[in-house]
Amino acid sequence: MKQTPRGNRLHIALFGRRNVGKSSLLNALTRQDVSIVSDIAGTTTDPVEKPMELLPVGPVLFIDTAGIDDSGSLGEQRRQKTRQVLERTDVALVVCAAGVWGTFEDELLDTLKERGTPVVVVCNKADVQRPGGALRERLSGAQVPVVETVAPAGTGVEDVREALVAAVPADLLEPPALVADLVPPGELAVLVVPIDMEAPKGRLILPQVQTIRDLLDHDAYCLVVKERELRVAIERLQRPPALVVTDSQAFLRVAADTPRQVPLTSFSILFARAKGDLPELVRGAAAIDRLQPQSRVLICEACTHHPIGDDIGRVKIPRWLRQYVGGELEFVHYQGHDFPADLSGIDLVVHCGACVHNRREMLSRILRCRRAHVPITNYGLAIAYSLGIFARALEPFPAAWAACEQRKHTPSR
């Protein structure tokens, strides 16, 4: 892997009306002609992404969006794409033409504030008109920094960079360990990596690579085996490993071959913690008990690979859930950044590990499910629950297991 994955980059998005200079500002920030610039309103249609390094923050992903005041049927589709970007924005640049501020900007600011998204307001075209004192005072009272720019000339661009760096929350600069807090320095984790039809040729998948890197970064060891070699590999060790991590699809065999005193979990469950809210997703898995024949299950997959063979999201998980429920279920599938605006009629959401999404997007989806009173879980948790090894898979995470136990004694809505 030559570049930091998009899911591990800080997402910085530019929002504003049409023709306020968002694209010009992005080009100035990246020092490249990333977005097409034109005097014609609505030039930017689909979101434009540009990965780069923003020091001292590190790897970031800039996203240019269509104008929030776009109109017509195509305009509505472009606004929907912009709303999708809102779901994954870590820091927002609200761009306005200096001296022009109205309902669009107020509503956008309120939406970002509700999400807890840090905001920097950029008043562009300051050579034509300066922002009014009343607006500056109001934004200052809301603790929103304001920067004046003339993007094509590069005026004020360094001030925007400084404001961005200052706006980044500390927890985004130092993300928690993926697995290393479960494996002390000098101890060993065994990673079980099946090589099947969907395994990419010549490489490992992203969760496996990132788990290996996290262990190495924290001075722990790792041993990588296929599921058929696990039992012999553990027998050859001088002492038991600190943890076994498996692909969720191999849970049953790996659980049978892992000594009972050795903690066991899956890559997907590790990512449920790293990308989302593990206790919430654990409580969602317990809702599998409430499914009945003809219940509707939404399955979401962050990446957009072409499913082949015994695909986990379209074949295996539906099969295991049907077997657990003892009847037919209705499955709805979404991929990539698509997610239904209306969750009514959905009885359970089962999400992948979201390794290619950033944490903000996954948390946004969990929040939307919570507001709609729809339980949400993820692949690894749903598989462990339906196969009867849920408690064992959560032994490394006692707080999450406690949340599940508490849910059992709490009346449902």
Protein backbone atom coordinates (compact mmCIF):
# COMPACT_ATOMS: atom_id res chain seq x y z
CA MET A 1 0.00 0.00 0.00
CA LYS A 2 1.69 3.19 -1.17
CA GLN A 3 -0.77 5.75 0.21
CA THR A 4 -2.63 6.18 3.48
CA PRO A 5 -6.14 4.75 2.91
CA ARG A 6 -8.98 7.27 2.62
CA GLY A 7 -10.61 5.80 5.72
CA ASN A 8 -7.54 6.81 7.77
CA ARG A 9 -7.39 10.37 6.46
CA LEU A 10 -8.92 13.45 8.09
CA HIS A 11 -11.85 14.47 5.85
CA ILE A 12 -11.99 18.22 5.20
CA ALA A 13 -14.96 19.31 3.09
CA LEU A 14 -15.78 22.63 1.43
CA PHE A 15 -19.43 23.69 1.52
CA GLY A 16 -21.23 26.79 0.28
CA ARG A 17 -23.43 28.25 -2.43
CA ARG A 18 -22.66 27.99 -6.10
CA ASN A 19 -19.98 30.27 -7.50
CA VAL A 20 -18.55 31.47 -4.17
CA GLY A 21 -15.08 30.12 -5.00
CA LYS A 22 -14.98 26.70 -3.32
CA SER A 23 -13.11 25.15 -6.24
CA SER A 24 -10.67 28.06 -6.46
CA LEU A 25 -10.00 27.72 -2.73
CA LEU A 26 -9.38 23.97 -3.03
CA ASN A 27 -6.94 24.56 -5.89
CA ALA A 28 -5.13 27.18 -3.81
CA LEU A 29 -4.98 24.93 -0.74
CA THR A 30 -3.60 21.97 -2.69
CA ARG A 31 -1.48 24.10 -5.07
CA GLN A 32 -2.93 22.05 -7.92
CA ASP A 33 -5.75 22.39 -10.45
CA VAL A 34 -7.89 19.76 -8.72
CA SER A 35 -11.31 21.25 -9.50
CA ILE A 36 -12.54 22.94 -12.65
CA VAL A 37 -12.99 26.67 -12.07
CA SER A 38 -15.55 28.69 -14.03
CA ASP A 39 -17.70 31.78 -13.65
CA ILE A 40 -20.69 29.61 -14.57
CA ALA A 41 -22.61 28.63 -11.43
CA GLY A 42 -22.90 24.91 -10.78
CA THR A 43 -19.64 23.85 -12.45
CA THR A 44 -18.90 21.35 -9.68
CA THR A 45 -21.38 18.46 -9.88
CA ASP A 46 -20.12 15.34 -8.11
CA PRO A 47 -17.85 15.75 -5.06
CA VAL A 48 -14.18 16.12 -6.02
CA GLU A 49 -11.66 14.44 -3.69
CA LYS A 50 -7.98 15.23 -3.29
CA PRO A 51 -5.76 13.30 -0.85
CA MET A 52 -2.67 15.14 0.39
CA GLU A 53 -0.46 15.79 3.42
CA LEU A 54 -1.39 18.77 5.58
CA LEU A 55 1.38 19.34 8.08
CA PRO A 56 1.42 19.02 11.04
CA VAL A 57 -1.95 17.19 10.84
CA GLY A 58 -0.75 14.47 8.46
CA PRO A 59 -2.75 12.71 5.71
CA VAL A 60 -6.02 14.45 4.85
CA LEU A 61 -8.71 14.21 2.18
CA PHE A 62 -10.07 17.49 0.79
CA ILE A 63 -13.59 17.24 -0.68
CA ASP A 64 -15.10 19.91 -2.94
CA THR A 65 -18.91 19.81 -3.10
CA ALA A 66 -21.69 21.15 -5.30
CA GLY A 67 -23.44 24.34 -4.22
CA ILE A 68 -26.04 23.92 -1.49
CA ASP A 69 -28.34 26.33 -3.38
CA ASP A 70 -28.39 24.17 -6.54
CA SER A 71 -31.84 23.91 -8.15
CA GLY A 72 -33.86 21.63 -10.41
CA SER A 73 -34.03 17.83 -10.53
CA LEU A 74 -30.32 17.45 -11.25
CA GLY A 75 -29.62 20.04 -8.57
CA GLU A 76 -31.45 17.89 -6.02
CA GLN A 77 -29.27 14.92 -6.94
CA ARG A 78 -26.16 17.06 -6.51
CA ARG A 79 -27.42 18.33 -3.15
CA GLN A 80 -27.95 14.72 -2.07
CA LYS A 81 -24.30 13.99 -2.88
CA THR A 82 -23.32 17.00 -0.80
CA ARG A 83 -25.42 15.71 2.12
CA GLN A 84 -23.58 12.40 1.88
CA VAL A 85 -20.29 14.27 2.27
CA LEU A 86 -21.68 15.91 5.44
CA GLU A 87 -21.95 12.41 6.95
CA ARG A 88 -18.16 11.89 6.76
CA THR A 89 -16.80 15.41 7.32
CA ASP A 90 -14.32 15.76 10.18
CA VAL A 91 -13.69 19.49 9.66
CA ALA A 92 -15.80 21.79 7.46
CA LEU A 93 -14.89 24.88 5.49
CA VAL A 94 -18.04 26.96 4.97
CA VAL A 95 -17.21 29.23 2.04
CA CYS A 96 -19.22 32.35 1.32
CA ALA A 97 -18.73 35.38 -0.87
CA ALA A 98 -17.58 38.10 1.53
CA GLY A 99 -20.57 40.19 2.55
CA VAL A 100 -23.09 37.53 1.45
CA TRP A 101 -24.54 35.46 4.29
CA GLY A 102 -28.11 34.21 4.55
CA THR A 103 -30.43 31.28 5.26
CA PHE A 104 -28.32 28.75 3.34
CA GLU A 105 -25.25 29.48 5.44
CA ASP A 106 -27.17 29.64 8.74
CA GLU A 107 -28.83 26.27 8.11
CA LEU A 108 -25.53 24.70 7.08
CA LEU A 109 -23.81 26.04 10.20
CA ASP A 110 -26.64 24.71 12.39
CA THR A 111 -26.38 21.27 10.76
CA LEU A 112 -22.63 21.11 11.33
CA LYS A 113 -22.99 22.34 14.91
CA GLU A 114 -25.62 19.64 15.59
CA ARG A 115 -23.16 17.02 14.35
CA GLY A 116 -20.35 18.42 16.45
CA THR A 117 -18.27 19.10 13.34
CA PRO A 118 -15.58 21.80 13.73
CA VAL A 119 -16.11 24.69 11.29
CA VAL A 120 -13.97 27.40 9.72
CA VAL A 121 -15.83 30.13 7.79
CA VAL A 122 -13.99 31.42 4.72
CA CYS A 123 -15.17 34.75 3.34
CA ASN A 124 -13.87 34.62 -0.22
CA LYS A 125 -13.72 37.43 -2.81
CA ALA A 126 -12.67 39.81 -0.06
CA ASP A 127 -11.18 42.09 -2.72
CA VAL A 128 -14.74 42.86 -3.85
CA GLN A 129 -16.43 43.22 -0.44
CA ARG A 130 -15.37 42.68 3.18
CA PRO A 131 -17.55 40.66 5.60
CA GLY A 132 -19.73 42.82 7.81
CA GLY A 133 -18.85 43.48 11.44
CA ALA A 134 -22.17 42.06 12.68
CA LEU A 135 -21.48 38.72 10.99
CA ARG A 136 -17.95 38.57 12.39
CA GLU A 137 -19.23 39.33 15.87
CA ARG A 138 -21.96 36.67 15.64
CA LEU A 139 -19.58 33.99 14.41
CA SER A 140 -16.98 34.96 16.98
CA GLY A 141 -19.61 34.58 19.71
CA ALA A 142 -20.29 31.07 18.39
CA GLN A 143 -16.52 30.39 18.50
CA VAL A 144 -16.35 29.95 14.73
CA PRO A 145 -13.11 31.31 13.21
CA VAL A 146 -13.44 33.57 10.16
CA VAL A 147 -10.80 33.96 7.46
CA GLU A 148 -10.85 36.38 4.51
CA THR A 149 -9.45 35.17 1.20
CA VAL A 150 -9.00 36.00 -2.45
CA ALA A 151 -8.52 32.41 -3.59
CA PRO A 152 -7.27 32.91 -7.19
CA ALA A 153 -4.53 35.24 -5.90
CA GLY A 154 -3.68 32.99 -2.95
CA THR A 155 -4.47 35.79 -0.49
CA GLY A 156 -5.39 34.44 2.94
CA VAL A 157 -4.80 30.78 2.00
CA GLU A 158 -2.08 30.33 4.64
CA ASP A 159 -4.52 31.73 7.21
CA VAL A 160 -7.03 29.07 6.16
CA ARG A 161 -4.41 26.35 6.66
CA GLU A 162 -3.59 27.66 10.12
CA ALA A 163 -7.28 27.84 11.06
CA LEU A 164 -7.80 24.27 9.82
CA VAL A 165 -4.92 22.92 11.87
CA ALA A 166 -6.21 24.73 14.98
CA ALA A 167 -9.74 23.35 14.43
CA VAL A 168 -8.75 19.67 14.30
CA PRO A 169 -9.82 17.89 17.53
CA ALA A 170 -7.01 16.20 19.47
CA ASP A 171 -8.68 12.78 19.30
CA LEU A 172 -8.47 12.88 15.51
CA LEU A 173 -4.76 13.68 15.61
CA GLU A 174 -4.03 10.69 17.88
CA PRO A 175 -6.50 7.88 17.07
CA PRO A 176 -6.67 4.98 19.54
CA ALA A 177 -4.86 1.71 18.91
CA LEU A 178 -6.65 -0.81 16.74
CA VAL A 179 -5.51 -3.92 18.61
CA ALA A 180 -2.24 -3.12 20.41
CA ASP A 181 -3.99 -2.28 23.70
CA LEU A 182 -5.02 -5.95 23.81
CA VAL A 183 -1.52 -7.27 23.10
CA PRO A 184 1.26 -5.91 25.37
CA PRO A 185 4.69 -5.11 23.91
CA GLY A 186 6.70 -8.28 23.45
CA GLU A 187 3.61 -10.50 23.35
CA LEU A 188 2.18 -12.38 20.36
CA ALA A 189 -1.07 -12.13 18.43
CA VAL A 190 -2.03 -14.88 15.99
CA LEU A 191 -3.91 -13.56 12.95
CA VAL A 192 -6.03 -16.06 11.02
CA VAL A 193 -6.29 -15.09 7.35
CA PRO A 194 -8.30 -17.44 5.10
CA ILE A 195 -7.26 -17.49 1.45
CA ASP A 196 -10.49 -18.05 -0.48
CA MET A 197 -12.15 -16.94 -3.72
CA GLU A 198 -12.59 -13.35 -2.54
CA ALA A 199 -9.05 -12.93 -1.18
CA PRO A 200 -7.27 -10.41 -3.47
CA LYS A 201 -4.40 -11.92 -5.44
CA GLY A 202 -0.94 -10.99 -4.22
CA ARG A 203 -1.98 -8.99 -1.15
CA LEU A 204 -3.95 -8.95 2.09
CA ILE A 205 -7.15 -7.01 2.68
CA LEU A 206 -7.07 -3.67 4.46
CA PRO A 207 -8.18 -4.78 7.98
CA GLN A 208 -5.47 -7.44 8.04
CA VAL A 209 -2.76 -5.04 6.87
CA GLN A 210 -3.75 -2.37 9.39
CA THR A 211 -3.85 -4.88 12.25
CA ILE A 212 -0.34 -6.08 11.43
CA ARG A 213 0.92 -2.50 11.25
CA ASP A 214 -0.71 -1.57 14.56
CA LEU A 215 0.96 -4.51 16.32
CA LEU A 216 4.36 -3.65 14.84
CA ASP A 217 3.97 0.04 15.77
CA HIS A 218 3.42 -0.99 19.40
CA ASP A 219 6.30 -3.51 19.62
CA ALA A 220 4.13 -6.62 19.65
CA TYR A 221 4.65 -9.74 17.54
CA CYS A 222 2.24 -11.30 15.07
CA LEU A 223 1.99 -14.71 13.48
CA VAL A 224 -0.16 -14.95 10.34
CA VAL A 225 -1.69 -18.33 9.45
CA LYS A 226 -4.57 -19.79 7.48
CA GLU A 227 -7.39 -21.39 9.44
CA ARG A 228 -6.18 -24.91 8.57
CA GLU A 229 -2.78 -24.27 10.20
CA LEU A 230 -3.99 -22.58 13.39
CA ARG A 231 -4.09 -25.59 15.71
CA VAL A 232 -0.58 -26.78 14.80
CA ALA A 233 0.81 -23.24 14.95
CA ILE A 234 -0.48 -22.71 18.50
CA GLU A 235 0.84 -26.12 19.60
CA ARG A 236 4.33 -25.17 18.39
CA LEU A 237 4.42 -21.99 20.50
CA GLN A 238 6.36 -22.07 23.77
CA ARG A 239 3.54 -20.17 25.52
CA PRO A 240 -0.03 -19.25 24.51
CA PRO A 241 -0.58 -16.09 22.42
CA ALA A 242 -2.09 -13.00 24.00
CA LEU A 243 -4.86 -12.91 21.38
CA VAL A 244 -6.20 -14.71 18.31
CA VAL A 245 -7.85 -12.55 15.65
CA THR A 246 -9.74 -14.26 12.84
CA ASP A 247 -11.64 -13.39 9.73
CA SER A 248 -15.26 -13.56 10.88
CA GLN A 249 -16.17 -16.10 8.21
CA ALA A 250 -13.89 -18.67 9.91
CA PHE A 251 -15.21 -18.02 13.43
CA LEU A 252 -16.53 -21.52 14.15
CA ARG A 253 -13.42 -23.42 13.07
CA VAL A 254 -11.06 -20.94 14.72
CA ALA A 255 -13.04 -21.03 17.98
CA ALA A 256 -12.80 -24.82 17.99
CA ASP A 257 -9.02 -24.76 17.40
CA THR A 258 -8.16 -21.95 19.83
CA PRO A 259 -7.50 -23.03 23.46
CA ARG A 260 -10.30 -21.80 25.71
CA GLN A 261 -7.94 -19.70 27.85
CA VAL A 262 -6.75 -17.70 24.83
CA PRO A 263 -8.83 -14.55 24.05
CA LEU A 264 -10.46 -14.63 20.62
CA THR A 265 -12.09 -11.99 18.43
CA SER A 266 -12.31 -11.00 14.75
CA PHE A 267 -10.95 -8.28 12.49
CA SER A 268 -14.50 -7.04 11.95
CA ILE A 269 -15.11 -6.65 15.70
CA LEU A 270 -11.82 -4.77 16.08
CA PHE A 271 -13.06 -2.35 13.42
CA ALA A 272 -16.46 -2.08 15.08
CA ARG A 273 -14.57 -0.54 17.99
CA ALA A 274 -12.12 1.53 15.92
CA LYS A 275 -14.62 2.92 13.42
CA GLY A 276 -17.82 3.04 15.40
CA ASP A 277 -19.41 2.62 18.83
CA LEU A 278 -18.77 -0.97 19.97
CA PRO A 279 -21.31 -1.07 22.85
CA GLU A 280 -24.01 0.28 20.53
CA LEU A 281 -23.17 -2.28 17.84
CA VAL A 282 -23.11 -5.06 20.46
CA ARG A 283 -26.59 -4.05 21.63
CA GLY A 284 -27.67 -4.09 17.99
CA ALA A 285 -26.49 -7.68 17.59
CA ALA A 286 -28.71 -8.73 20.50
CA ALA A 287 -31.67 -7.49 18.43
CA ILE A 288 -31.19 -10.53 16.16
CA ASP A 289 -33.31 -12.37 18.75
CA ARG A 290 -36.23 -10.08 17.85
CA LEU A 291 -36.13 -10.93 14.15
CA GLN A 292 -39.00 -12.97 12.81
CA PRO A 293 -39.70 -14.50 9.41
CA GLN A 294 -40.25 -11.69 6.85
CA SER A 295 -38.31 -9.15 8.94
CA ARG A 296 -36.35 -6.67 6.80
CA VAL A 297 -32.57 -6.54 7.23
CA LEU A 298 -30.45 -3.81 5.65
CA ILE A 299 -26.91 -4.95 4.81
CA CYS A 300 -24.39 -2.16 4.17
CA GLU A 301 -20.95 -2.63 2.65
CA ALA A 302 -18.52 0.28 2.54
CA CYS A 303 -16.41 -0.94 -0.36
CA THR A 304 -17.87 -1.51 -3.82
CA HIS A 305 -16.21 -4.77 -4.89
CA HIS A 306 -18.07 -7.01 -7.31
CA PRO A 307 -19.49 -9.87 -5.21
CA ILE A 308 -18.40 -13.33 -6.32
CA GLY A 309 -18.85 -16.87 -5.07
CA ASP A 310 -19.99 -17.30 -1.48
CA ASP A 311 -20.02 -13.55 -0.76
CA ILE A 312 -20.15 -12.70 2.94
CA GLY A 313 -22.70 -9.88 2.70
CA ARG A 314 -24.99 -11.31 0.04
CA VAL A 315 -24.78 -15.04 0.72
CA LYS A 316 -23.20 -16.09 4.02
CA ILE A 317 -24.68 -13.59 6.50
CA PRO A 318 -28.20 -13.92 5.01
CA ARG A 319 -27.86 -17.72 5.25
CA TRP A 320 -26.70 -17.65 8.87
CA LEU A 321 -29.45 -15.21 9.87
CA ARG A 322 -32.14 -17.28 8.15
CA GLN A 323 -30.90 -20.38 9.96
CA TYR A 324 -30.94 -18.55 13.31
CA VAL A 325 -34.42 -17.09 12.79
CA GLY A 326 -35.79 -20.29 11.28
CA GLY A 327 -37.49 -18.62 8.35
CA GLU A 328 -37.16 -16.39 5.33
CA LEU A 329 -35.99 -12.78 5.76
CA GLU A 330 -36.07 -9.84 3.37
CA PHE A 331 -32.64 -8.35 2.66
CA VAL A 332 -31.88 -4.88 1.29
CA HIS A 333 -28.32 -4.05 0.17
CA TYR A 334 -26.49 -0.70 0.03
CA GLN A 335 -22.86 -0.10 -0.93
CA GLY A 336 -20.29 2.69 -0.79
CA HIS A 337 -21.45 6.03 0.59
CA ASP A 338 -25.12 5.27 -0.17
CA PHE A 339 -27.34 4.89 2.86
CA PRO A 340 -31.17 5.16 2.97
CA ALA A 341 -32.59 8.47 4.13
CA ASP A 342 -35.68 6.68 5.46
CA LEU A 343 -35.11 3.68 7.75
CA SER A 344 -38.77 3.01 8.44
CA GLY A 345 -39.63 -0.63 7.88
CA ILE A 346 -36.07 -1.79 8.59
CA ASP A 347 -35.79 -4.19 11.55
CA LEU A 348 -31.98 -4.46 11.68
CA VAL A 349 -28.96 -2.89 9.99
CA VAL A 350 -25.87 -5.08 9.55
CA HIS A 351 -22.82 -3.04 8.52
CA CYS A 352 -19.42 -4.20 7.37
CA GLY A 353 -16.30 -3.25 9.34
CA ALA A 354 -16.15 0.08 7.42
CA CYS A 355 -12.40 -0.17 6.94
CA VAL A 356 -12.55 2.14 3.89
CA HIS A 357 -14.80 4.70 5.61
CA ASN A 358 -13.62 7.21 8.17
CA ARG A 359 -14.97 6.98 11.72
CA ARG A 360 -17.15 10.07 11.32
CA GLU A 361 -19.21 8.43 8.58
CA MET A 362 -19.77 5.27 10.60
CA LEU A 363 -20.76 7.26 13.69
CA SER A 364 -23.17 9.31 11.55
CA ARG A 365 -24.89 6.13 10.43
CA ILE A 366 -25.10 4.80 13.97
CA LEU A 367 -26.65 8.11 15.07
CA ARG A 368 -29.25 7.98 12.29
CA CYS A 369 -30.19 4.43 13.29
CA ARG A 370 -30.46 5.44 16.94
CA ARG A 371 -32.78 8.34 16.08
CA ALA A 372 -34.94 6.02 13.98
CA HIS A 373 -34.96 3.39 16.80
CA VAL A 374 -33.46 0.83 14.40
CA PRO A 375 -30.77 -1.48 15.87
CA ILE A 376 -27.45 -1.57 14.03
CA THR A 377 -24.61 -4.08 14.31
CA ASN A 378 -21.71 -5.18 12.14
CA TYR A 379 -20.64 -8.26 10.20
CA GLY A 380 -18.40 -9.85 12.83
CA LEU A 381 -20.84 -9.29 15.69
CA ALA A 382 -23.81 -10.59 13.68
CA ILE A 383 -21.87 -13.70 12.64
CA ALA A 384 -20.67 -14.44 16.19
CA TYR A 385 -24.21 -13.99 17.55
CA SER A 386 -25.90 -16.16 14.94
CA LEU A 387 -23.27 -18.92 15.35
CA GLY A 388 -23.55 -19.00 19.14
CA ILE A 389 -20.03 -17.75 20.03
CA PHE A 390 -20.94 -14.14 20.85
CA ALA A 391 -19.78 -14.18 24.47
CA ARG A 392 -16.41 -15.63 23.59
CA ALA A 393 -15.82 -13.16 20.76
CA LEU A 394 -16.43 -10.29 23.19
CA GLU A 395 -14.24 -11.52 26.05
CA PRO A 396 -11.48 -9.02 25.11
CA PHE A 397 -14.07 -6.20 25.48
CA PRO A 398 -15.76 -6.56 28.89
CA ALA A 399 -17.37 -3.10 28.76
CA ALA A 400 -19.12 -3.92 25.50
CA TRP A 401 -20.32 -7.25 26.85
CA ALA A 402 -21.69 -5.47 29.93
CA ALA A 403 -23.67 -3.17 27.62
CA CYS A 404 -25.23 -6.23 26.00
CA GLU A 405 -26.12 -7.77 29.35
CA GLN A 406 -27.68 -4.49 30.47
CA ARG A 407 -29.77 -4.36 27.28
CA LYS A 408 -31.25 -7.79 28.05
CA HIS A 409 -32.75 -6.38 31.26
CA THR A 410 -33.98 -3.13 29.68
CA PRO A 411 -37.54 -3.12 28.23
CA SER A 412 -37.54 -2.50 24.46
CA ARG A 413 -39.46 0.37 22.95
